[in-house]
């Protein structure tokens, strides 16, 4: 189980992520959407295509353009379509399963 955490809050938890170029891409359905807002930022990767960004807001603090995804990746990167990766202080970590006692 992988999760992304910022400002003490879990932004996403996923059983599996896709690791590409050192970044974990989380499936879109795993996002806690209340923390994400679309950004106007874009960037172009020569082999993945055009990336779009989300800003993340937690506890009144905003981390601008801290998550990115490829809505229409190139055929070579099709497996990450819609999956979200993080940077700029967002920590992606392996979640330790909780044991009930």
PDB file of N, CA and C in Angstrom:
ATOM      1  N   UNK A   1       0.867  -1.181   0.000  1.00  0.00           N
ATOM      2  CA  UNK A   1       0.000   0.000   0.000  1.00  0.00           C
ATOM      3  C   UNK A   1       0.907   1.236   0.000  1.00  0.00           C
ATOM      4  N   UNK A   2       0.691   2.101  -0.956  1.00  0.00           N
ATOM      5  CA  UNK A   2       1.432   3.362  -1.032  1.00  0.00           C
ATOM      6  C   UNK A   2       0.477   4.510  -0.731  1.00  0.00           C
ATOM      7  N   UNK A   3       1.035   5.551  -0.125  1.00  0.00           N
ATOM      8  CA  UNK A   3       0.213   6.736   0.131  1.00  0.00           C
ATOM      9  C   UNK A   3       1.060   7.986  -0.088  1.00  0.00           C
ATOM     10  N   UNK A   4       0.369   9.077  -0.383  1.00  0.00           N
ATOM     11  CA  UNK A   4       1.008  10.387  -0.514  1.00  0.00           C
ATOM     12  C   UNK A   4       0.483  11.255   0.614  1.00  0.00           C
ATOM     13  N   UNK A   5       1.422  11.938   1.320  1.00  0.00           N
ATOM     14  CA  UNK A   5       1.067  12.722   2.504  1.00  0.00           C
ATOM     15  C   UNK A   5       1.654  14.116   2.373  1.00  0.00           C
ATOM     16  N   UNK A   6       0.837  15.112   2.730  1.00  0.00           N
ATOM     17  CA  UNK A   6       1.321  16.490   2.800  1.00  0.00           C
ATOM     18  C   UNK A   6       0.595  17.223   3.911  1.00  0.00           C
ATOM     19  N   UNK A   7       1.332  18.016   4.656  1.00  0.00           N
ATOM     20  CA  UNK A   7       0.776  18.812   5.748  1.00  0.00           C
ATOM     21  C   UNK A   7       0.005  17.921   6.735  1.00  0.00           C
ATOM     22  N   UNK A   8       0.536  16.696   6.955  1.00  0.00           N
ATOM     23  CA  UNK A   8      -0.061  15.768   7.909  1.00  0.00           C
ATOM     24  C   UNK A   8      -1.311  15.067   7.436  1.00  0.00           C
ATOM     25  N   UNK A   9      -1.640  15.184   6.163  1.00  0.00           N
ATOM     26  CA  UNK A   9      -2.875  14.618   5.629  1.00  0.00           C
ATOM     27  C   UNK A   9      -2.585  13.640   4.499  1.00  0.00           C
ATOM     28  N   UNK A  10      -3.274  12.498   4.508  1.00  0.00           N
ATOM     29  CA  UNK A  10      -3.145  11.515   3.440  1.00  0.00           C
ATOM     30  C   UNK A  10      -3.963  11.993   2.242  1.00  0.00           C
ATOM     31  N   UNK A  11      -3.282  12.175   1.110  1.00  0.00           N
ATOM     32  CA  UNK A  11      -3.933  12.648  -0.113  1.00  0.00           C
ATOM     33  C   UNK A  11      -4.443  11.503  -0.977  1.00  0.00           C
ATOM     34  N   UNK A  12      -3.758  10.385  -0.906  1.00  0.00           N
ATOM     35  CA  UNK A  12      -4.129   9.205  -1.675  1.00  0.00           C
ATOM     36  C   UNK A  12      -3.544   7.973  -1.011  1.00  0.00           C
ATOM     37  N   UNK A  13      -4.245   6.858  -1.139  1.00  0.00           N
ATOM     38  CA  UNK A  13      -3.736   5.551  -0.727  1.00  0.00           C
ATOM     39  C   UNK A  13      -4.103   4.578  -1.829  1.00  0.00           C
ATOM     40  N   UNK A  14      -3.123   3.790  -2.243  1.00  0.00           N
ATOM     41  CA  UNK A  14      -3.369   2.861  -3.343  1.00  0.00           C
ATOM     42  C   UNK A  14      -2.652   1.541  -3.093  1.00  0.00           C
ATOM     43  N   UNK A  15      -3.334   0.458  -3.413  1.00  0.00           N
ATOM     44  CA  UNK A  15      -2.720  -0.864  -3.319  1.00  0.00           C
ATOM     45  C   UNK A  15      -1.515  -0.954  -4.245  1.00  0.00           C
ATOM     46  N   UNK A  16      -1.644  -0.367  -5.429  1.00  0.00           N
ATOM     47  CA  UNK A  16      -0.562  -0.396  -6.404  1.00  0.00           C
ATOM     48  C   UNK A  16      -0.441   0.945  -7.086  1.00  0.00           C
ATOM     49  N   UNK A  17       0.781   1.326  -7.341  1.00  0.00           N
ATOM     50  CA  UNK A  17       1.063   2.516  -8.135  1.00  0.00           C
ATOM     51  C   UNK A  17       1.889   2.073  -9.335  1.00  0.00           C
ATOM     52  N   UNK A  18       1.999   2.935 -10.308  1.00  0.00           N
ATOM     53  CA  UNK A  18       2.874   2.686 -11.445  1.00  0.00           C
ATOM     54  C   UNK A  18       4.111   3.547 -11.236  1.00  0.00           C
ATOM     55  N   UNK A  19       5.270   2.926 -11.183  1.00  0.00           N
ATOM     56  CA  UNK A  19       6.511   3.671 -10.989  1.00  0.00           C
ATOM     57  C   UNK A  19       7.142   3.901 -12.353  1.00  0.00           C
ATOM     58  N   UNK A  20       7.344   5.180 -12.652  1.00  0.00           N
ATOM     59  CA  UNK A  20       7.917   5.569 -13.934  1.00  0.00           C
ATOM     60  C   UNK A  20       8.882   6.716 -13.693  1.00  0.00           C
ATOM     61  N   UNK A  21      10.095   6.554 -14.120  1.00  0.00           N
ATOM     62  CA  UNK A  21      11.142   7.567 -13.938  1.00  0.00           C
ATOM     63  C   UNK A  21      11.260   8.020 -12.484  1.00  0.00           C
ATOM     64  N   UNK A  22      11.112   7.077 -11.552  1.00  0.00           N
ATOM     65  CA  UNK A  22      11.273   7.368 -10.135  1.00  0.00           C
ATOM     66  C   UNK A  22      10.064   7.966  -9.442  1.00  0.00           C
ATOM     67  N   UNK A  23       8.987   8.205 -10.172  1.00  0.00           N
ATOM     68  CA  UNK A  23       7.764   8.756  -9.578  1.00  0.00           C
ATOM     69  C   UNK A  23       6.695   7.679  -9.481  1.00  0.00           C
ATOM     70  N   UNK A  24       5.964   7.687  -8.359  1.00  0.00           N
ATOM     71  CA  UNK A  24       4.826   6.785  -8.177  1.00  0.00           C
ATOM     72  C   UNK A  24       3.588   7.489  -8.725  1.00  0.00           C
ATOM     73  N   UNK A  25       2.917   6.865  -9.675  1.00  0.00           N
ATOM     74  CA  UNK A  25       1.675   7.386 -10.233  1.00  0.00           C
ATOM     75  C   UNK A  25       0.520   6.608  -9.607  1.00  0.00           C
ATOM     76  N   UNK A  26      -0.327   7.325  -8.862  1.00  0.00           N
ATOM     77  CA  UNK A  26      -1.468   6.715  -8.167  1.00  0.00           C
ATOM     78  C   UNK A  26      -2.694   6.713  -9.066  1.00  0.00           C
ATOM     79  N   UNK A  27      -3.502   5.654  -8.976  1.00  0.00           N
ATOM     80  CA  UNK A  27      -4.718   5.624  -9.783  1.00  0.00           C
ATOM     81  C   UNK A  27      -5.668   6.758  -9.397  1.00  0.00           C
ATOM     82  N   UNK A  28      -6.369   7.329 -10.374  1.00  0.00           N
ATOM     83  CA  UNK A  28      -7.225   8.488 -10.089  1.00  0.00           C
ATOM     84  C   UNK A  28      -8.310   8.213  -9.046  1.00  0.00           C
ATOM     85  N   UNK A  29      -8.817   6.992  -9.000  1.00  0.00           N
ATOM     86  CA  UNK A  29      -9.883   6.684  -8.039  1.00  0.00           C
ATOM     87  C   UNK A  29      -9.379   6.628  -6.600  1.00  0.00           C
ATOM     88  N   UNK A  30      -8.066   6.629  -6.395  1.00  0.00           N
ATOM     89  CA  UNK A  30      -7.523   6.568  -5.037  1.00  0.00           C
ATOM     90  C   UNK A  30      -7.349   7.951  -4.396  1.00  0.00           C
ATOM     91  N   UNK A  31      -7.531   9.016  -5.174  1.00  0.00           N
ATOM     92  CA  UNK A  31      -7.337  10.380  -4.656  1.00  0.00           C
ATOM     93  C   UNK A  31      -8.462  10.787  -3.712  1.00  0.00           C
ATOM     94  N   UNK A  32      -8.101  11.504  -2.666  1.00  0.00           N
ATOM     95  CA  UNK A  32      -9.100  12.157  -1.814  1.00  0.00           C
ATOM     96  C   UNK A  32      -9.330  13.527  -2.477  1.00  0.00           C
ATOM     97  N   UNK A  33     -10.288  13.573  -3.367  1.00  0.00           N
ATOM     98  CA  UNK A  33     -10.507  14.699  -4.283  1.00  0.00           C
ATOM     99  C   UNK A  33     -10.736  16.040  -3.596  1.00  0.00           C
ATOM    100  N   UNK A  34     -11.172  16.032  -2.360  1.00  0.00           N
ATOM    101  CA  UNK A  34     -11.456  17.305  -1.685  1.00  0.00           C
ATOM    102  C   UNK A  34     -10.199  18.166  -1.508  1.00  0.00           C
ATOM    103  N   UNK A  35      -9.024  17.571  -1.648  1.00  0.00           N
ATOM    104  CA  UNK A  35      -7.773  18.325  -1.478  1.00  0.00           C
ATOM    105  C   UNK A  35      -7.185  18.846  -2.795  1.00  0.00           C
ATOM    106  N   UNK A  36      -7.781  18.493  -3.915  1.00  0.00           N
ATOM    107  CA  UNK A  36      -7.207  18.794  -5.230  1.00  0.00           C
ATOM    108  C   UNK A  36      -8.047  19.797  -6.010  1.00  0.00           C
ATOM    109  N   UNK A  37      -7.368  20.758  -6.618  1.00  0.00           N
ATOM    110  CA  UNK A  37      -8.032  21.671  -7.551  1.00  0.00           C
ATOM    111  C   UNK A  37      -7.191  21.752  -8.817  1.00  0.00           C
ATOM    112  N   UNK A  38      -7.863  21.822  -9.946  1.00  0.00           N
ATOM    113  CA  UNK A  38      -7.176  21.931 -11.231  1.00  0.00           C
ATOM    114  C   UNK A  38      -6.347  23.204 -11.282  1.00  0.00           C
ATOM    115  N   UNK A  39      -5.194  23.094 -11.857  1.00  0.00           N
ATOM    116  CA  UNK A  39      -4.305  24.230 -12.062  1.00  0.00           C
ATOM    117  C   UNK A  39      -4.279  24.560 -13.553  1.00  0.00           C
ATOM    118  N   UNK A  40      -3.870  25.754 -13.874  1.00  0.00           N
ATOM    119  CA  UNK A  40      -3.704  26.132 -15.281  1.00  0.00           C
ATOM    120  C   UNK A  40      -2.334  25.711 -15.823  1.00  0.00           C
ATOM    121  N   UNK A  41      -1.460  25.219 -14.945  1.00  0.00           N
ATOM    122  CA  UNK A  41      -0.097  24.845 -15.342  1.00  0.00           C
ATOM    123  C   UNK A  41      -0.109  23.641 -16.276  1.00  0.00           C
ATOM    124  N   UNK A  42       0.834  23.649 -17.194  1.00  0.00           N
ATOM    125  CA  UNK A  42       1.041  22.554 -18.137  1.00  0.00           C
ATOM    126  C   UNK A  42       2.542  22.386 -18.320  1.00  0.00           C
ATOM    127  N   UNK A  43       2.958  21.176 -18.680  1.00  0.00           N
ATOM    128  CA  UNK A  43       4.343  20.952 -19.087  1.00  0.00           C
ATOM    129  C   UNK A  43       4.342  19.856 -20.143  1.00  0.00           C
ATOM    130  N   UNK A  44       5.391  19.817 -20.915  1.00  0.00           N
ATOM    131  CA  UNK A  44       5.473  18.866 -22.011  1.00  0.00           C
ATOM    132  C   UNK A  44       6.681  17.963 -21.823  1.00  0.00           C
ATOM    133  N   UNK A  45       6.435  16.678 -21.815  1.00  0.00           N
ATOM    134  CA  UNK A  45       7.495  15.681 -21.793  1.00  0.00           C
ATOM    135  C   UNK A  45       7.612  15.132 -23.206  1.00  0.00           C
ATOM    136  N   UNK A  46       8.823  15.061 -23.709  1.00  0.00           N
ATOM    137  CA  UNK A  46       9.011  14.654 -25.103  1.00  0.00           C
ATOM    138  C   UNK A  46       8.488  13.256 -25.400  1.00  0.00           C
ATOM    139  N   UNK A  47       8.393  12.381 -24.388  1.00  0.00           N
ATOM    140  CA  UNK A  47       7.903  11.037 -24.692  1.00  0.00           C
ATOM    141  C   UNK A  47       6.593  10.666 -24.003  1.00  0.00           C
ATOM    142  N   UNK A  48       6.205  11.388 -22.943  1.00  0.00           N
ATOM    143  CA  UNK A  48       4.931  11.092 -22.275  1.00  0.00           C
ATOM    144  C   UNK A  48       3.795  11.973 -22.772  1.00  0.00           C
ATOM    145  N   UNK A  49       4.100  13.176 -23.198  1.00  0.00           N
ATOM    146  CA  UNK A  49       3.061  14.067 -23.694  1.00  0.00           C
ATOM    147  C   UNK A  49       2.855  15.283 -22.800  1.00  0.00           C
ATOM    148  N   UNK A  50       1.649  15.843 -22.863  1.00  0.00           N
ATOM    149  CA  UNK A  50       1.304  17.061 -22.133  1.00  0.00           C
ATOM    150  C   UNK A  50       0.757  16.720 -20.750  1.00  0.00           C
ATOM    151  N   UNK A  51       1.436  17.235 -19.721  1.00  0.00           N
ATOM    152  CA  UNK A  51       1.004  17.020 -18.337  1.00  0.00           C
ATOM    153  C   UNK A  51       0.139  18.183 -17.883  1.00  0.00           C
ATOM    154  N   UNK A  52      -0.852  17.862 -17.080  1.00  0.00           N
ATOM    155  CA  UNK A  52      -1.675  18.866 -16.415  1.00  0.00           C
ATOM    156  C   UNK A  52      -1.414  18.747 -14.923  1.00  0.00           C
ATOM    157  N   UNK A  53      -1.762  19.787 -14.169  1.00  0.00           N
ATOM    158  CA  UNK A  53      -1.409  19.848 -12.751  1.00  0.00           C
ATOM    159  C   UNK A  53      -2.611  20.095 -11.860  1.00  0.00           C
ATOM    160  N   UNK A  54      -2.459  19.653 -10.626  1.00  0.00           N
ATOM    161  CA  UNK A  54      -3.379  19.974  -9.544  1.00  0.00           C
ATOM    162  C   UNK A  54      -2.606  20.758  -8.495  1.00  0.00           C
ATOM    163  N   UNK A  55      -3.274  21.691  -7.851  1.00  0.00           N
ATOM    164  CA  UNK A  55      -2.763  22.281  -6.619  1.00  0.00           C
ATOM    165  C   UNK A  55      -3.431  21.528  -5.481  1.00  0.00           C
ATOM    166  N   UNK A  56      -2.729  21.410  -4.371  1.00  0.00           N
ATOM    167  CA  UNK A  56      -3.224  20.656  -3.218  1.00  0.00           C
ATOM    168  C   UNK A  56      -3.415  21.637  -2.067  1.00  0.00           C
ATOM    169  N   UNK A  57      -4.598  21.592  -1.433  1.00  0.00           N
ATOM    170  CA  UNK A  57      -4.886  22.470  -0.299  1.00  0.00           C
ATOM    171  C   UNK A  57      -5.282  21.618   0.900  1.00  0.00           C
ATOM    172  N   UNK A  58      -4.555  21.826   2.005  1.00  0.00           N
ATOM    173  CA  UNK A  58      -4.809  21.111   3.257  1.00  0.00           C
ATOM    174  C   UNK A  58      -4.627  22.102   4.398  1.00  0.00           C
ATOM    175  N   UNK A  59      -5.598  22.150   5.282  1.00  0.00           N
ATOM    176  CA  UNK A  59      -5.478  22.992   6.475  1.00  0.00           C
ATOM    177  C   UNK A  59      -5.218  24.450   6.175  1.00  0.00           C
ATOM    178  N   UNK A  60      -5.802  24.955   5.098  1.00  0.00           N
ATOM    179  CA  UNK A  60      -5.639  26.354   4.739  1.00  0.00           C
ATOM    180  C   UNK A  60      -4.346  26.678   3.998  1.00  0.00           C
ATOM    181  N   UNK A  61      -3.473  25.684   3.804  1.00  0.00           N
ATOM    182  CA  UNK A  61      -2.226  25.879   3.063  1.00  0.00           C
ATOM    183  C   UNK A  61      -2.354  25.259   1.675  1.00  0.00           C
ATOM    184  N   UNK A  62      -1.863  25.979   0.677  1.00  0.00           N
ATOM    185  CA  UNK A  62      -1.924  25.483  -0.696  1.00  0.00           C
ATOM    186  C   UNK A  62      -0.527  25.213  -1.222  1.00  0.00           C
ATOM    187  N   UNK A  63      -0.368  24.064  -1.837  1.00  0.00           N
ATOM    188  CA  UNK A  63       0.864  23.649  -2.486  1.00  0.00           C
ATOM    189  C   UNK A  63       0.568  23.675  -3.987  1.00  0.00           C
ATOM    190  N   UNK A  64       0.942  24.774  -4.639  1.00  0.00           N
ATOM    191  CA  UNK A  64       0.591  24.989  -6.039  1.00  0.00           C
ATOM    192  C   UNK A  64       1.298  23.996  -6.957  1.00  0.00           C
ATOM    193  N   UNK A  65       0.545  23.455  -7.878  1.00  0.00           N
ATOM    194  CA  UNK A  65       1.069  22.572  -8.935  1.00  0.00           C
ATOM    195  C   UNK A  65       1.863  21.396  -8.362  1.00  0.00           C
ATOM    196  N   UNK A  66       1.419  20.847  -7.260  1.00  0.00           N
ATOM    197  CA  UNK A  66       2.166  19.809  -6.549  1.00  0.00           C
ATOM    198  C   UNK A  66       1.882  18.390  -7.044  1.00  0.00           C
ATOM    199  N   UNK A  67       0.915  18.247  -7.916  1.00  0.00           N
ATOM    200  CA  UNK A  67       0.588  16.927  -8.463  1.00  0.00           C
ATOM    201  C   UNK A  67       0.365  17.073  -9.964  1.00  0.00           C
ATOM    202  N   UNK A  68       0.761  16.052 -10.701  1.00  0.00           N
ATOM    203  CA  UNK A  68       0.569  16.123 -12.153  1.00  0.00           C
ATOM    204  C   UNK A  68       0.053  14.799 -12.697  1.00  0.00           C
ATOM    205  N   UNK A  69      -0.543  14.886 -13.873  1.00  0.00           N
ATOM    206  CA  UNK A  69      -1.084  13.697 -14.535  1.00  0.00           C
ATOM    207  C   UNK A  69      -1.114  13.943 -16.037  1.00  0.00           C
ATOM    208  N   UNK A  70      -1.258  12.871 -16.763  1.00  0.00           N
ATOM    209  CA  UNK A  70      -1.329  12.935 -18.223  1.00  0.00           C
ATOM    210  C   UNK A  70      -2.703  12.440 -18.663  1.00  0.00           C
ATOM    211  N   UNK A  71      -3.609  13.359 -19.029  1.00  0.00           N
ATOM    212  CA  UNK A  71      -4.948  12.920 -19.442  1.00  0.00           C
ATOM    213  C   UNK A  71      -4.938  12.176 -20.778  1.00  0.00           C
ATOM    214  N   UNK A  72      -3.983  12.500 -21.634  1.00  0.00           N
ATOM    215  CA  UNK A  72      -3.874  11.860 -22.955  1.00  0.00           C
ATOM    216  C   UNK A  72      -2.401  11.589 -23.260  1.00  0.00           C
ATOM    217  N   UNK A  73      -1.795  10.627 -22.549  1.00  0.00           N
ATOM    218  CA  UNK A  73      -0.371  10.384 -22.760  1.00  0.00           C
ATOM    219  C   UNK A  73      -0.105   9.783 -24.133  1.00  0.00           C
ATOM    220  N   UNK A  74       1.147   9.828 -24.520  1.00  0.00           N
ATOM    221  CA  UNK A  74       1.552   9.199 -25.776  1.00  0.00           C
ATOM    222  C   UNK A  74       1.337   7.688 -25.664  1.00  0.00           C
ATOM    223  N   UNK A  75       1.297   6.996 -26.784  1.00  0.00           N
ATOM    224  CA  UNK A  75       1.123   5.539 -26.735  1.00  0.00           C
ATOM    225  C   UNK A  75       2.193   4.838 -25.870  1.00  0.00           C
ATOM    226  N   UNK A  76       3.403   5.363 -25.841  1.00  0.00           N
ATOM    227  CA  UNK A  76       4.456   4.753 -25.034  1.00  0.00           C
ATOM    228  C   UNK A  76       4.187   4.846 -23.536  1.00  0.00           C
ATOM    229  N   UNK A  77       3.397   5.815 -23.107  1.00  0.00           N
ATOM    230  CA  UNK A  77       3.118   6.028 -21.681  1.00  0.00           C
ATOM    231  C   UNK A  77       1.657   5.774 -21.341  1.00  0.00           C
ATOM    232  N   UNK A  78       0.951   5.059 -22.171  1.00  0.00           N
ATOM    233  CA  UNK A  78      -0.500   4.885 -22.000  1.00  0.00           C
ATOM    234  C   UNK A  78      -0.901   4.303 -20.644  1.00  0.00           C
ATOM    235  N   UNK A  79      -0.016   3.532 -20.004  1.00  0.00           N
ATOM    236  CA  UNK A  79      -0.380   2.922 -18.721  1.00  0.00           C
ATOM    237  C   UNK A  79      -0.554   3.939 -17.589  1.00  0.00           C
ATOM    238  N   UNK A  80      -0.029   5.167 -17.743  1.00  0.00           N
ATOM    239  CA  UNK A  80      -0.190   6.175 -16.679  1.00  0.00           C
ATOM    240  C   UNK A  80      -1.355   7.136 -16.950  1.00  0.00           C
ATOM    241  N   UNK A  81      -2.145   6.861 -17.960  1.00  0.00           N
ATOM    242  CA  UNK A  81      -3.264   7.753 -18.290  1.00  0.00           C
ATOM    243  C   UNK A  81      -4.117   8.032 -17.052  1.00  0.00           C
ATOM    244  N   UNK A  82      -4.227   9.312 -16.699  1.00  0.00           N
ATOM    245  CA  UNK A  82      -5.061   9.731 -15.578  1.00  0.00           C
ATOM    246  C   UNK A  82      -4.453   9.516 -14.200  1.00  0.00           C
ATOM    247  N   UNK A  83      -3.373   8.747 -14.098  1.00  0.00           N
ATOM    248  CA  UNK A  83      -2.725   8.499 -12.814  1.00  0.00           C
ATOM    249  C   UNK A  83      -1.994   9.764 -12.359  1.00  0.00           C
ATOM    250  N   UNK A  84      -1.876   9.948 -11.056  1.00  0.00           N
ATOM    251  CA  UNK A  84      -1.350  11.193 -10.502  1.00  0.00           C
ATOM    252  C   UNK A  84      -0.033  10.949  -9.765  1.00  0.00           C
ATOM    253  N   UNK A  85       0.947  11.804 -10.037  1.00  0.00           N
ATOM    254  CA  UNK A  85       2.246  11.764  -9.358  1.00  0.00           C
ATOM    255  C   UNK A  85       2.424  13.061  -8.573  1.00  0.00           C
ATOM    256  N   UNK A  86       3.371  13.048  -7.643  1.00  0.00           N
ATOM    257  CA  UNK A  86       3.522  14.156  -6.700  1.00  0.00           C
ATOM    258  C   UNK A  86       4.963  14.622  -6.591  1.00  0.00           C
ATOM    259  N   UNK A  87       5.111  15.884  -6.147  1.00  0.00           N
ATOM    260  CA  UNK A  87       6.427  16.453  -5.867  1.00  0.00           C
ATOM    261  C   UNK A  87       6.244  17.653  -4.965  1.00  0.00           C
ATOM    262  N   UNK A  88       7.267  18.486  -4.834  1.00  0.00           N
ATOM    263  CA  UNK A  88       7.212  19.741  -4.090  1.00  0.00           C
ATOM    264  C   UNK A  88       6.796  19.553  -2.630  1.00  0.00           C
ATOM    265  N   UNK A  89       7.442  18.585  -1.963  1.00  0.00           N
ATOM    266  CA  UNK A  89       7.198  18.393  -0.537  1.00  0.00           C
ATOM    267  C   UNK A  89       6.169  17.344  -0.187  1.00  0.00           C
ATOM    268  N   UNK A  90       5.461  16.823  -1.166  1.00  0.00           N
ATOM    269  CA  UNK A  90       4.519  15.735  -0.890  1.00  0.00           C
ATOM    270  C   UNK A  90       5.332  14.448  -0.794  1.00  0.00           C
ATOM    271  N   UNK A  91       5.146  13.731   0.301  1.00  0.00           N
ATOM    272  CA  UNK A  91       5.918  12.524   0.554  1.00  0.00           C
ATOM    273  C   UNK A  91       5.109  11.300   0.131  1.00  0.00           C
ATOM    274  N   UNK A  92       5.710  10.488  -0.726  1.00  0.00           N
ATOM    275  CA  UNK A  92       5.101   9.210  -1.116  1.00  0.00           C
ATOM    276  C   UNK A  92       5.816   8.136  -0.310  1.00  0.00           C
ATOM    277  N   UNK A  93       5.028   7.369   0.441  1.00  0.00           N
ATOM    278  CA  UNK A  93       5.610   6.383   1.356  1.00  0.00           C
ATOM    279  C   UNK A  93       4.810   5.094   1.336  1.00  0.00           C
ATOM    280  N   UNK A  94       5.467   4.048   1.789  1.00  0.00           N
ATOM    281  CA  UNK A  94       4.775   2.791   1.934  1.00  0.00           C
ATOM    282  C   UNK A  94       3.983   2.852   3.234  1.00  0.00           C
ATOM    283  N   UNK A  95       2.693   2.571   3.146  1.00  0.00           N
ATOM    284  CA  UNK A  95       1.824   2.607   4.325  1.00  0.00           C
ATOM    285  C   UNK A  95       1.963   1.299   5.082  1.00  0.00           C
ATOM    286  N   UNK A  96       2.146   1.383   6.394  1.00  0.00           N
ATOM    287  CA  UNK A  96       2.229   0.205   7.235  1.00  0.00           C
ATOM    288  C   UNK A  96       0.809  -0.238   7.580  1.00  0.00           C
ATOM    289  N   UNK A  97       0.487  -1.493   7.276  1.00  0.00           N
ATOM    290  CA  UNK A  97      -0.863  -1.968   7.613  1.00  0.00           C
ATOM    291  C   UNK A  97      -1.110  -1.907   9.118  1.00  0.00           C
ATOM    292  N   UNK A  98      -2.326  -1.487   9.487  1.00  0.00           N
ATOM    293  CA  UNK A  98      -2.720  -1.430  10.897  1.00  0.00           C
ATOM    294  C   UNK A  98      -3.204  -2.811  11.328  1.00  0.00           C
ATOM    295  N   UNK A  99      -2.765  -3.248  12.480  1.00  0.00           N
ATOM    296  CA  UNK A  99      -3.175  -4.553  13.013  1.00  0.00           C
ATOM    297  C   UNK A  99      -4.182  -4.328  14.123  1.00  0.00           C
ATOM    298  N   UNK A 100      -5.343  -4.968  13.983  1.00  0.00           N
ATOM    299  CA  UNK A 100      -6.381  -4.859  15.028  1.00  0.00           C
ATOM    300  C   UNK A 100      -6.043  -5.799  16.157  1.00  0.00           C
ATOM    301  N   UNK A 101      -6.292  -5.346  17.378  1.00  0.00           N
ATOM    302  CA  UNK A 101      -6.048  -6.211  18.558  1.00  0.00           C
ATOM    303  C   UNK A 101      -7.270  -6.288  19.399  1.00  0.00           C
TER     304      UNK A 101
END
